[in-house]
Amino acid sequence: MTGFTSWRKSSRSSGASDSNCVECRVTWRKSIRSGGGDDSNCVEARSQDGAFQVRDSKLGHDSPVFDLGVTDFRALLSAAE
């Protein structure tokens, strides 16, 4: 498991902590089959460095984040159908 925040700096930025750089965060995505409302309970996913991360949407930032390889993520999707 990893933390919920995944800020990424450009590889062109210097490694110094005082370097000025724009950071980006990978966003979470809900299934289109989810109710769409803020109160809908759903698993959220995002791609991260060639793998995937999933979390429980109803817990938001308090949810544990689980790292899954491609094979495991596909198995999760298959089991959820």
N, C-alpha and C. Protein backbone atom coordinates (compact mmCIF):
# COMPACT_ATOMS: atom_id res chain seq x y z
N MET A 1 0.84 -1.18 0.00
CA MET A 1 0.00 0.00 0.00
C MET A 1 0.88 1.24 0.00
N THR A 2 0.36 2.28 -0.60
CA THR A 2 1.07 3.55 -0.59
C THR A 2 0.10 4.63 -0.13
N GLY A 3 0.63 5.81 0.09
CA GLY A 3 -0.21 6.92 0.51
C GLY A 3 -1.15 7.37 -0.59
N PHE A 4 -2.12 8.22 -0.25
CA PHE A 4 -3.12 8.63 -1.22
C PHE A 4 -2.60 9.68 -2.18
N THR A 5 -1.60 10.44 -1.79
CA THR A 5 -1.12 11.52 -2.64
C THR A 5 0.04 11.03 -3.49
N SER A 6 -0.01 11.34 -4.74
CA SER A 6 1.04 10.91 -5.63
C SER A 6 1.47 12.08 -6.50
N TRP A 7 2.15 13.01 -5.91
CA TRP A 7 2.63 14.17 -6.66
C TRP A 7 3.87 13.77 -7.43
N ARG A 8 3.99 14.26 -8.66
CA ARG A 8 5.12 13.90 -9.50
C ARG A 8 5.75 15.15 -10.08
N LYS A 9 7.08 15.23 -10.00
CA LYS A 9 7.82 16.32 -10.62
C LYS A 9 8.35 15.85 -11.97
N SER A 10 8.58 16.78 -12.83
CA SER A 10 9.17 16.48 -14.12
C SER A 10 10.58 15.92 -13.94
N SER A 11 10.96 15.01 -14.79
CA SER A 11 12.33 14.47 -14.73
C SER A 11 13.35 15.53 -15.12
N ARG A 12 12.88 16.61 -15.72
CA ARG A 12 13.79 17.71 -16.11
C ARG A 12 14.05 18.68 -14.96
N SER A 13 13.33 18.54 -13.88
CA SER A 13 13.53 19.41 -12.73
C SER A 13 14.78 18.92 -11.99
N SER A 14 15.47 19.83 -11.34
CA SER A 14 16.65 19.39 -10.58
C SER A 14 16.17 18.65 -9.34
N GLY A 15 17.00 17.83 -8.76
CA GLY A 15 16.62 17.04 -7.61
C GLY A 15 16.58 17.82 -6.30
N ALA A 16 16.99 19.08 -6.32
CA ALA A 16 17.04 19.88 -5.08
C ALA A 16 15.64 20.17 -4.58
N SER A 17 15.49 20.22 -3.27
CA SER A 17 14.18 20.47 -2.68
C SER A 17 13.70 21.90 -2.95
N ASP A 18 14.61 22.81 -3.27
CA ASP A 18 14.21 24.19 -3.51
C ASP A 18 14.02 24.49 -5.00
N SER A 19 14.03 23.46 -5.85
CA SER A 19 13.87 23.69 -7.28
C SER A 19 12.43 24.10 -7.59
N ASN A 20 12.28 25.05 -8.50
CA ASN A 20 10.95 25.52 -8.89
C ASN A 20 10.43 24.63 -10.01
N CYS A 21 9.32 24.00 -9.78
CA CYS A 21 8.79 23.07 -10.75
C CYS A 21 7.30 22.90 -10.51
N VAL A 22 6.56 22.62 -11.57
CA VAL A 22 5.15 22.30 -11.46
C VAL A 22 5.05 20.82 -11.16
N GLU A 23 4.20 20.47 -10.19
CA GLU A 23 3.97 19.07 -9.87
C GLU A 23 2.56 18.68 -10.30
N CYS A 24 2.39 17.44 -10.70
CA CYS A 24 1.09 16.94 -11.14
C CYS A 24 0.71 15.74 -10.29
N ARG A 25 -0.57 15.56 -10.10
CA ARG A 25 -1.08 14.41 -9.37
C ARG A 25 -1.98 13.60 -10.30
N VAL A 26 -1.83 12.31 -10.25
CA VAL A 26 -2.68 11.43 -11.04
C VAL A 26 -4.06 11.41 -10.38
N THR A 27 -5.11 11.59 -11.16
CA THR A 27 -6.45 11.66 -10.59
C THR A 27 -7.09 10.28 -10.50
N TRP A 28 -8.01 10.16 -9.57
CA TRP A 28 -8.77 8.93 -9.38
C TRP A 28 -9.95 8.93 -10.33
N ARG A 29 -10.34 7.74 -10.80
CA ARG A 29 -11.49 7.61 -11.70
C ARG A 29 -12.47 6.61 -11.13
N LYS A 30 -13.76 6.97 -11.20
CA LYS A 30 -14.84 6.06 -10.81
C LYS A 30 -15.40 5.40 -12.05
N SER A 31 -16.00 4.27 -11.87
CA SER A 31 -16.67 3.57 -12.96
C SER A 31 -17.84 4.39 -13.46
N ILE A 32 -18.11 4.31 -14.76
CA ILE A 32 -19.28 5.00 -15.31
C ILE A 32 -20.56 4.34 -14.80
N ARG A 33 -20.45 3.13 -14.24
CA ARG A 33 -21.61 2.44 -13.68
C ARG A 33 -21.92 2.90 -12.25
N SER A 34 -21.04 3.69 -11.69
CA SER A 34 -21.27 4.25 -10.36
C SER A 34 -22.40 5.26 -10.46
N GLY A 35 -23.07 5.50 -9.36
CA GLY A 35 -24.19 6.44 -9.36
C GLY A 35 -23.81 7.84 -9.78
N GLY A 36 -22.55 8.19 -9.72
CA GLY A 36 -22.11 9.50 -10.15
C GLY A 36 -22.21 10.57 -9.08
N GLY A 37 -23.06 10.38 -8.09
CA GLY A 37 -23.18 11.36 -7.02
C GLY A 37 -22.01 11.26 -6.05
N ASP A 38 -21.81 12.30 -5.28
CA ASP A 38 -20.72 12.29 -4.30
C ASP A 38 -20.92 11.23 -3.23
N ASP A 39 -22.18 10.80 -3.03
CA ASP A 39 -22.45 9.83 -1.98
C ASP A 39 -22.46 8.38 -2.50
N SER A 40 -22.13 8.17 -3.77
CA SER A 40 -22.14 6.81 -4.32
C SER A 40 -20.90 6.05 -3.83
N ASN A 41 -21.10 4.79 -3.47
CA ASN A 41 -20.01 3.94 -2.99
C ASN A 41 -19.43 3.18 -4.17
N CYS A 42 -18.16 3.30 -4.37
CA CYS A 42 -17.53 2.71 -5.53
C CYS A 42 -16.04 2.55 -5.27
N VAL A 43 -15.42 1.66 -6.00
CA VAL A 43 -13.97 1.56 -5.97
C VAL A 43 -13.44 2.53 -7.02
N GLU A 44 -12.44 3.30 -6.67
CA GLU A 44 -11.81 4.21 -7.61
C GLU A 44 -10.46 3.63 -8.01
N ALA A 45 -10.03 3.93 -9.22
CA ALA A 45 -8.76 3.40 -9.71
C ALA A 45 -7.99 4.49 -10.44
N ARG A 46 -6.69 4.29 -10.53
CA ARG A 46 -5.84 5.15 -11.35
C ARG A 46 -4.63 4.34 -11.79
N SER A 47 -4.08 4.72 -12.94
CA SER A 47 -2.87 4.06 -13.39
C SER A 47 -1.69 4.79 -12.76
N GLN A 48 -0.67 4.03 -12.44
CA GLN A 48 0.48 4.59 -11.74
C GLN A 48 1.72 3.81 -12.14
N ASP A 49 2.57 4.42 -12.92
CA ASP A 49 3.85 3.82 -13.31
C ASP A 49 3.71 2.41 -13.89
N GLY A 50 2.78 2.23 -14.83
CA GLY A 50 2.61 0.95 -15.49
C GLY A 50 1.83 -0.08 -14.70
N ALA A 51 1.30 0.30 -13.56
CA ALA A 51 0.48 -0.59 -12.74
C ALA A 51 -0.79 0.18 -12.39
N PHE A 52 -1.52 -0.29 -11.40
CA PHE A 52 -2.76 0.37 -11.00
C PHE A 52 -2.84 0.49 -9.49
N GLN A 53 -3.61 1.47 -9.05
CA GLN A 53 -3.92 1.64 -7.64
C GLN A 53 -5.43 1.70 -7.51
N VAL A 54 -5.96 1.14 -6.43
CA VAL A 54 -7.40 1.20 -6.16
C VAL A 54 -7.62 1.65 -4.73
N ARG A 55 -8.78 2.29 -4.51
CA ARG A 55 -9.16 2.71 -3.16
C ARG A 55 -10.69 2.72 -3.08
N ASP A 56 -11.20 2.82 -1.87
CA ASP A 56 -12.63 2.87 -1.61
C ASP A 56 -13.08 4.32 -1.68
N SER A 57 -13.98 4.64 -2.58
CA SER A 57 -14.38 6.03 -2.78
C SER A 57 -15.08 6.64 -1.58
N LYS A 58 -15.82 5.83 -0.83
CA LYS A 58 -16.56 6.42 0.30
C LYS A 58 -15.63 6.88 1.41
N LEU A 59 -14.39 6.36 1.43
CA LEU A 59 -13.42 6.79 2.43
C LEU A 59 -12.54 7.93 1.94
N GLY A 60 -12.52 8.16 0.62
CA GLY A 60 -11.73 9.25 0.05
C GLY A 60 -10.27 9.17 0.43
N HIS A 61 -9.72 10.30 0.88
CA HIS A 61 -8.30 10.35 1.23
C HIS A 61 -7.95 9.48 2.43
N ASP A 62 -8.94 9.07 3.21
CA ASP A 62 -8.68 8.21 4.36
C ASP A 62 -8.60 6.73 3.97
N SER A 63 -8.92 6.41 2.72
CA SER A 63 -8.91 5.03 2.27
C SER A 63 -7.49 4.52 2.10
N PRO A 64 -7.25 3.27 2.46
CA PRO A 64 -5.96 2.69 2.09
C PRO A 64 -5.90 2.57 0.57
N VAL A 65 -4.71 2.66 0.02
CA VAL A 65 -4.50 2.55 -1.41
C VAL A 65 -3.75 1.24 -1.67
N PHE A 66 -4.30 0.43 -2.55
CA PHE A 66 -3.69 -0.86 -2.86
C PHE A 66 -3.06 -0.82 -4.24
N ASP A 67 -1.81 -1.24 -4.33
CA ASP A 67 -1.08 -1.30 -5.59
C ASP A 67 -1.33 -2.66 -6.23
N LEU A 68 -1.72 -2.66 -7.50
CA LEU A 68 -1.98 -3.89 -8.23
C LEU A 68 -1.23 -3.89 -9.55
N GLY A 69 -0.66 -5.03 -9.88
CA GLY A 69 -0.07 -5.19 -11.20
C GLY A 69 -1.18 -5.33 -12.23
N VAL A 70 -0.83 -5.28 -13.49
CA VAL A 70 -1.82 -5.35 -14.56
C VAL A 70 -2.65 -6.63 -14.47
N THR A 71 -2.01 -7.77 -14.25
CA THR A 71 -2.72 -9.04 -14.17
C THR A 71 -3.72 -9.05 -13.03
N ASP A 72 -3.30 -8.56 -11.87
CA ASP A 72 -4.20 -8.52 -10.71
C ASP A 72 -5.35 -7.54 -10.93
N PHE A 73 -5.08 -6.41 -11.57
CA PHE A 73 -6.13 -5.43 -11.84
C PHE A 73 -7.17 -6.01 -12.80
N ARG A 74 -6.71 -6.69 -13.83
CA ARG A 74 -7.64 -7.33 -14.77
C ARG A 74 -8.48 -8.40 -14.06
N ALA A 75 -7.86 -9.15 -13.16
CA ALA A 75 -8.61 -10.16 -12.40
C ALA A 75 -9.66 -9.51 -11.52
N LEU A 76 -9.34 -8.37 -10.91
CA LEU A 76 -10.30 -7.63 -10.10
C LEU A 76 -11.49 -7.19 -10.95
N LEU A 77 -11.21 -6.64 -12.12
CA LEU A 77 -12.28 -6.20 -13.01
C LEU A 77 -13.15 -7.38 -13.45
N SER A 78 -12.52 -8.50 -13.73
CA SER A 78 -13.26 -9.70 -14.14
C SER A 78 -14.17 -10.19 -13.03
N ALA A 79 -13.66 -10.20 -11.81
CA ALA A 79 -14.44 -10.66 -10.66
C ALA A 79 -15.59 -9.72 -10.35
N ALA A 80 -15.46 -8.45 -10.69
CA ALA A 80 -16.48 -7.46 -10.37
C ALA A 80 -17.63 -7.45 -11.38
N GLU A 81 -17.45 -8.07 -12.52
CA GLU A 81 -18.51 -8.06 -13.55
C GLU A 81 -19.73 -8.81 -13.15
